[in-house]
């Protein structure tokens, strides 16, 4: 008796002619090639679909979950003289500048953690200390805050912030 290996392309099956034993890696029931290819294609498509869904979900999280609230502030010196040691204290931090010439503008961007009043202090050209309390600021506010320093230790605060508490 001769052992002959036969390959059947329609069933993706290898068998020995003498005893019809199938190849161990292909022990699935007999299926036409087209059906096996369809199953393989469906599995690949399923994995690609899940990969695309995961990529889309992570992109949405990155774009929507990382919004940073900030306030763009501007300090304008309209006092008519130079001023020194300007400091702006806001909830959880502060910023400032050493010198601001008459008519000059200083820009600073900050983020609020917590809530509380904004305070401003500076030294006039005559050495006089000025302390002014401004508007209350709250966490997650964003927008613009314009601080205009006027003669006689007056200050205008012009907030354009949202959301308002």
C-alpha atoms as a PDB file:
ATOM      1  CA  UNK A   1       0.000   0.000   0.000  1.00  0.00           C
ATOM      2  CA  UNK A   2       1.453   3.393  -0.980  1.00  0.00           C
ATOM      3  CA  UNK A   3       0.938   6.455   1.087  1.00  0.00           C
ATOM      4  CA  UNK A   4       0.053   9.361  -1.056  1.00  0.00           C
ATOM      5  CA  UNK A   5      -0.545  12.909   0.234  1.00  0.00           C
ATOM      6  CA  UNK A   6      -3.478  14.614  -1.380  1.00  0.00           C
ATOM      7  CA  UNK A   7      -4.360  18.279  -1.121  1.00  0.00           C
ATOM      8  CA  UNK A   8      -7.942  19.353  -1.732  1.00  0.00           C
ATOM      9  CA  UNK A   9      -8.040  23.089  -2.500  1.00  0.00           C
ATOM     10  CA  UNK A  10     -11.805  23.283  -2.122  1.00  0.00           C
ATOM     11  CA  UNK A  11     -11.703  22.189   1.522  1.00  0.00           C
ATOM     12  CA  UNK A  12      -8.250  23.369   2.676  1.00  0.00           C
ATOM     13  CA  UNK A  13      -7.570  19.845   3.904  1.00  0.00           C
ATOM     14  CA  UNK A  14      -4.547  17.588   3.674  1.00  0.00           C
ATOM     15  CA  UNK A  15      -5.078  13.887   3.970  1.00  0.00           C
ATOM     16  CA  UNK A  16      -3.185  10.698   3.499  1.00  0.00           C
ATOM     17  CA  UNK A  17      -4.713   8.628   0.728  1.00  0.00           C
ATOM     18  CA  UNK A  18      -4.350   5.376   2.658  1.00  0.00           C
ATOM     19  CA  UNK A  19      -6.192   6.225   5.856  1.00  0.00           C
ATOM     20  CA  UNK A  20      -7.738   9.697   5.243  1.00  0.00           C
ATOM     21  CA  UNK A  21      -6.124  11.306   8.322  1.00  0.00           C
ATOM     22  CA  UNK A  22      -6.335  15.055   8.226  1.00  0.00           C
ATOM     23  CA  UNK A  23      -3.445  17.407   8.868  1.00  0.00           C
ATOM     24  CA  UNK A  24      -3.443  18.331  12.626  1.00  0.00           C
ATOM     25  CA  UNK A  25      -3.493  22.129  12.054  1.00  0.00           C
ATOM     26  CA  UNK A  26      -6.575  21.896   9.876  1.00  0.00           C
ATOM     27  CA  UNK A  27      -8.883  19.859  12.098  1.00  0.00           C
ATOM     28  CA  UNK A  28     -11.851  22.133  11.484  1.00  0.00           C
ATOM     29  CA  UNK A  29     -14.875  20.734   9.661  1.00  0.00           C
ATOM     30  CA  UNK A  30     -14.682  20.771   5.927  1.00  0.00           C
ATOM     31  CA  UNK A  31     -15.357  24.247   4.617  1.00  0.00           C
ATOM     32  CA  UNK A  32     -14.898  25.663   1.172  1.00  0.00           C
ATOM     33  CA  UNK A  33     -11.957  28.024   0.685  1.00  0.00           C
ATOM     34  CA  UNK A  34     -14.262  30.986   0.199  1.00  0.00           C
ATOM     35  CA  UNK A  35     -15.928  30.431   3.561  1.00  0.00           C
ATOM     36  CA  UNK A  36     -12.573  30.125   5.366  1.00  0.00           C
ATOM     37  CA  UNK A  37     -11.356  33.310   3.708  1.00  0.00           C
ATOM     38  CA  UNK A  38     -14.575  35.082   4.702  1.00  0.00           C
ATOM     39  CA  UNK A  39     -14.099  34.022   8.326  1.00  0.00           C
ATOM     40  CA  UNK A  40     -10.508  35.219   8.274  1.00  0.00           C
ATOM     41  CA  UNK A  41     -11.546  38.535   6.706  1.00  0.00           C
ATOM     42  CA  UNK A  42     -14.290  39.005   9.325  1.00  0.00           C
ATOM     43  CA  UNK A  43     -11.824  38.411  12.172  1.00  0.00           C
ATOM     44  CA  UNK A  44      -9.342  40.930  10.748  1.00  0.00           C
ATOM     45  CA  UNK A  45     -12.137  43.428  10.153  1.00  0.00           C
ATOM     46  CA  UNK A  46     -13.375  42.976  13.730  1.00  0.00           C
ATOM     47  CA  UNK A  47      -9.900  43.686  15.156  1.00  0.00           C
ATOM     48  CA  UNK A  48      -9.487  46.730  12.908  1.00  0.00           C
ATOM     49  CA  UNK A  49     -12.908  48.033  13.933  1.00  0.00           C
ATOM     50  CA  UNK A  50     -12.067  47.759  17.625  1.00  0.00           C
ATOM     51  CA  UNK A  51      -8.729  49.466  17.010  1.00  0.00           C
ATOM     52  CA  UNK A  52     -10.481  52.352  15.241  1.00  0.00           C
ATOM     53  CA  UNK A  53     -13.081  52.637  18.014  1.00  0.00           C
ATOM     54  CA  UNK A  54     -10.328  52.746  20.667  1.00  0.00           C
ATOM     55  CA  UNK A  55      -8.391  55.359  18.683  1.00  0.00           C
ATOM     56  CA  UNK A  56     -11.499  57.502  18.243  1.00  0.00           C
ATOM     57  CA  UNK A  57     -12.434  57.252  21.916  1.00  0.00           C
ATOM     58  CA  UNK A  58      -8.952  58.219  23.089  1.00  0.00           C
ATOM     59  CA  UNK A  59      -8.911  61.166  20.668  1.00  0.00           C
ATOM     60  CA  UNK A  60     -12.232  62.411  22.025  1.00  0.00           C
ATOM     61  CA  UNK A  61     -10.927  62.124  25.595  1.00  0.00           C
ATOM     62  CA  UNK A  62      -7.804  64.077  24.750  1.00  0.00           C
ATOM     63  CA  UNK A  63      -9.675  66.852  22.998  1.00  0.00           C
ATOM     64  CA  UNK A  64     -12.498  67.311  25.488  1.00  0.00           C
ATOM     65  CA  UNK A  65     -10.953  66.281  28.792  1.00  0.00           C
ATOM     66  CA  UNK A  66      -7.977  68.623  28.741  1.00  0.00           C
ATOM     67  CA  UNK A  67      -9.531  72.063  28.654  1.00  0.00           C
ATOM     68  CA  UNK A  68      -7.488  74.565  30.617  1.00  0.00           C
ATOM     69  CA  UNK A  69      -9.262  77.604  32.034  1.00  0.00           C
ATOM     70  CA  UNK A  70      -7.143  80.744  31.940  1.00  0.00           C
ATOM     71  CA  UNK A  71      -7.431  84.504  32.265  1.00  0.00           C
ATOM     72  CA  UNK A  72      -5.553  86.920  30.025  1.00  0.00           C
ATOM     73  CA  UNK A  73      -4.779  89.971  32.135  1.00  0.00           C
ATOM     74  CA  UNK A  74      -3.561  93.401  31.094  1.00  0.00           C
ATOM     75  CA  UNK A  75      -2.191  96.093  33.392  1.00  0.00           C
ATOM     76  CA  UNK A  76      -2.213  99.601  31.888  1.00  0.00           C
ATOM     77  CA  UNK A  77      -0.347 102.466  33.559  1.00  0.00           C
ATOM     78  CA  UNK A  78      -2.368 105.661  33.033  1.00  0.00           C
ATOM     79  CA  UNK A  79      -1.094 107.372  36.179  1.00  0.00           C
ATOM     80  CA  UNK A  80       1.100 109.792  34.230  1.00  0.00           C
ATOM     81  CA  UNK A  81       4.255 108.645  36.070  1.00  0.00           C
ATOM     82  CA  UNK A  82       6.374 105.522  36.291  1.00  0.00           C
ATOM     83  CA  UNK A  83       5.417 102.989  38.955  1.00  0.00           C
ATOM     84  CA  UNK A  84       7.521 100.325  40.678  1.00  0.00           C
ATOM     85  CA  UNK A  85       7.044  96.872  42.206  1.00  0.00           C
ATOM     86  CA  UNK A  86       3.610  95.991  40.837  1.00  0.00           C
ATOM     87  CA  UNK A  87       2.200  92.808  42.345  1.00  0.00           C
ATOM     88  CA  UNK A  88      -1.136  91.155  41.607  1.00  0.00           C
ATOM     89  CA  UNK A  89      -2.264  88.491  44.103  1.00  0.00           C
ATOM     90  CA  UNK A  90      -5.058  86.149  43.092  1.00  0.00           C
ATOM     91  CA  UNK A  91      -6.330  82.898  44.633  1.00  0.00           C
ATOM     92  CA  UNK A  92      -3.422  80.437  44.934  1.00  0.00           C
ATOM     93  CA  UNK A  93      -0.677  82.550  43.286  1.00  0.00           C
ATOM     94  CA  UNK A  94       0.590  85.961  42.228  1.00  0.00           C
ATOM     95  CA  UNK A  95       2.463  87.741  39.459  1.00  0.00           C
ATOM     96  CA  UNK A  96       4.102  91.100  39.008  1.00  0.00           C
ATOM     97  CA  UNK A  97       6.580  93.344  37.285  1.00  0.00           C
ATOM     98  CA  UNK A  98       9.425  95.477  38.694  1.00  0.00           C
ATOM     99  CA  UNK A  99       8.817  98.618  36.663  1.00  0.00           C
ATOM    100  CA  UNK A 100       6.011  99.932  34.448  1.00  0.00           C
ATOM    101  CA  UNK A 101       6.578 103.203  32.595  1.00  0.00           C
ATOM    102  CA  UNK A 102       3.838 105.793  32.150  1.00  0.00           C
ATOM    103  CA  UNK A 103       1.534 104.672  29.331  1.00  0.00           C
ATOM    104  CA  UNK A 104       3.016 101.145  29.248  1.00  0.00           C
ATOM    105  CA  UNK A 105       1.022  97.908  29.181  1.00  0.00           C
ATOM    106  CA  UNK A 106       1.922  94.571  30.810  1.00  0.00           C
ATOM    107  CA  UNK A 107       0.273  91.272  29.774  1.00  0.00           C
ATOM    108  CA  UNK A 108       0.108  88.107  31.866  1.00  0.00           C
ATOM    109  CA  UNK A 109      -1.870  84.867  31.543  1.00  0.00           C
ATOM    110  CA  UNK A 110      -2.848  82.897  34.642  1.00  0.00           C
ATOM    111  CA  UNK A 111      -5.090  80.129  35.923  1.00  0.00           C
ATOM    112  CA  UNK A 112      -7.195  80.246  39.083  1.00  0.00           C
ATOM    113  CA  UNK A 113      -7.181  77.486  41.714  1.00  0.00           C
ATOM    114  CA  UNK A 114      -9.786  78.125  44.391  1.00  0.00           C
ATOM    115  CA  UNK A 115     -11.648  81.393  44.873  1.00  0.00           C
ATOM    116  CA  UNK A 116     -11.073  84.745  46.510  1.00  0.00           C
ATOM    117  CA  UNK A 117     -10.388  88.405  45.892  1.00  0.00           C
ATOM    118  CA  UNK A 118      -7.746  89.803  43.582  1.00  0.00           C
ATOM    119  CA  UNK A 119      -5.460  92.355  45.246  1.00  0.00           C
ATOM    120  CA  UNK A 120      -3.098  94.816  43.612  1.00  0.00           C
ATOM    121  CA  UNK A 121      -0.179  96.657  45.170  1.00  0.00           C
ATOM    122  CA  UNK A 122       2.415  99.011  43.704  1.00  0.00           C
ATOM    123  CA  UNK A 123       4.784 101.822  44.628  1.00  0.00           C
ATOM    124  CA  UNK A 124       4.339 105.271  43.115  1.00  0.00           C
ATOM    125  CA  UNK A 125       7.233 107.367  41.812  1.00  0.00           C
ATOM    126  CA  UNK A 126       7.075 109.305  45.151  1.00  0.00           C
ATOM    127  CA  UNK A 127       7.604 106.088  47.164  1.00  0.00           C
ATOM    128  CA  UNK A 128       3.994 105.775  48.349  1.00  0.00           C
ATOM    129  CA  UNK A 129       2.612 102.212  48.720  1.00  0.00           C
ATOM    130  CA  UNK A 130      -0.823 101.611  47.149  1.00  0.00           C
ATOM    131  CA  UNK A 131      -2.982  98.571  48.012  1.00  0.00           C
ATOM    132  CA  UNK A 132      -6.260  97.952  46.198  1.00  0.00           C
ATOM    133  CA  UNK A 133      -8.731  95.060  46.426  1.00  0.00           C
ATOM    134  CA  UNK A 134     -10.301  94.016  43.147  1.00  0.00           C
ATOM    135  CA  UNK A 135     -13.050  91.619  42.089  1.00  0.00           C
ATOM    136  CA  UNK A 136     -13.558  88.119  43.465  1.00  0.00           C
ATOM    137  CA  UNK A 137     -12.266  85.366  41.188  1.00  0.00           C
ATOM    138  CA  UNK A 138     -13.495  81.783  41.073  1.00  0.00           C
ATOM    139  CA  UNK A 139     -12.022  78.528  39.820  1.00  0.00           C
ATOM    140  CA  UNK A 140     -12.903  77.655  36.201  1.00  0.00           C
ATOM    141  CA  UNK A 141     -13.434  81.290  35.236  1.00  0.00           C
ATOM    142  CA  UNK A 142     -11.870  82.253  31.946  1.00  0.00           C
ATOM    143  CA  UNK A 143     -11.652  85.315  29.751  1.00  0.00           C
ATOM    144  CA  UNK A 144      -9.987  88.698  30.066  1.00  0.00           C
ATOM    145  CA  UNK A 145      -9.231  90.991  32.975  1.00  0.00           C
ATOM    146  CA  UNK A 146      -8.121  94.554  32.278  1.00  0.00           C
ATOM    147  CA  UNK A 147      -6.568  96.520  35.142  1.00  0.00           C
ATOM    148  CA  UNK A 148      -6.227 100.244  34.485  1.00  0.00           C
ATOM    149  CA  UNK A 149      -4.079 102.199  36.950  1.00  0.00           C
ATOM    150  CA  UNK A 150      -5.291 105.822  37.190  1.00  0.00           C
ATOM    151  CA  UNK A 151      -3.955 108.965  38.936  1.00  0.00           C
ATOM    152  CA  UNK A 152      -4.581 109.501  42.686  1.00  0.00           C
ATOM    153  CA  UNK A 153      -4.259 105.752  43.477  1.00  0.00           C
ATOM    154  CA  UNK A 154      -7.461 104.891  41.620  1.00  0.00           C
ATOM    155  CA  UNK A 155      -7.844 101.661  39.670  1.00  0.00           C
ATOM    156  CA  UNK A 156     -10.447 100.363  37.251  1.00  0.00           C
ATOM    157  CA  UNK A 157     -10.952  96.608  37.011  1.00  0.00           C
ATOM    158  CA  UNK A 158     -12.701  95.561  33.813  1.00  0.00           C
ATOM    159  CA  UNK A 159     -13.428  91.798  33.976  1.00  0.00           C
ATOM    160  CA  UNK A 160     -14.809  89.913  30.972  1.00  0.00           C
ATOM    161  CA  UNK A 161     -14.977  86.486  32.581  1.00  0.00           C
ATOM    162  CA  UNK A 162     -17.169  83.426  32.206  1.00  0.00           C
ATOM    163  CA  UNK A 163     -18.697  81.386  33.691  1.00  0.00           C
ATOM    164  CA  UNK A 164     -20.000  83.764  36.282  1.00  0.00           C
ATOM    165  CA  UNK A 165     -20.726  82.136  39.647  1.00  0.00           C
END
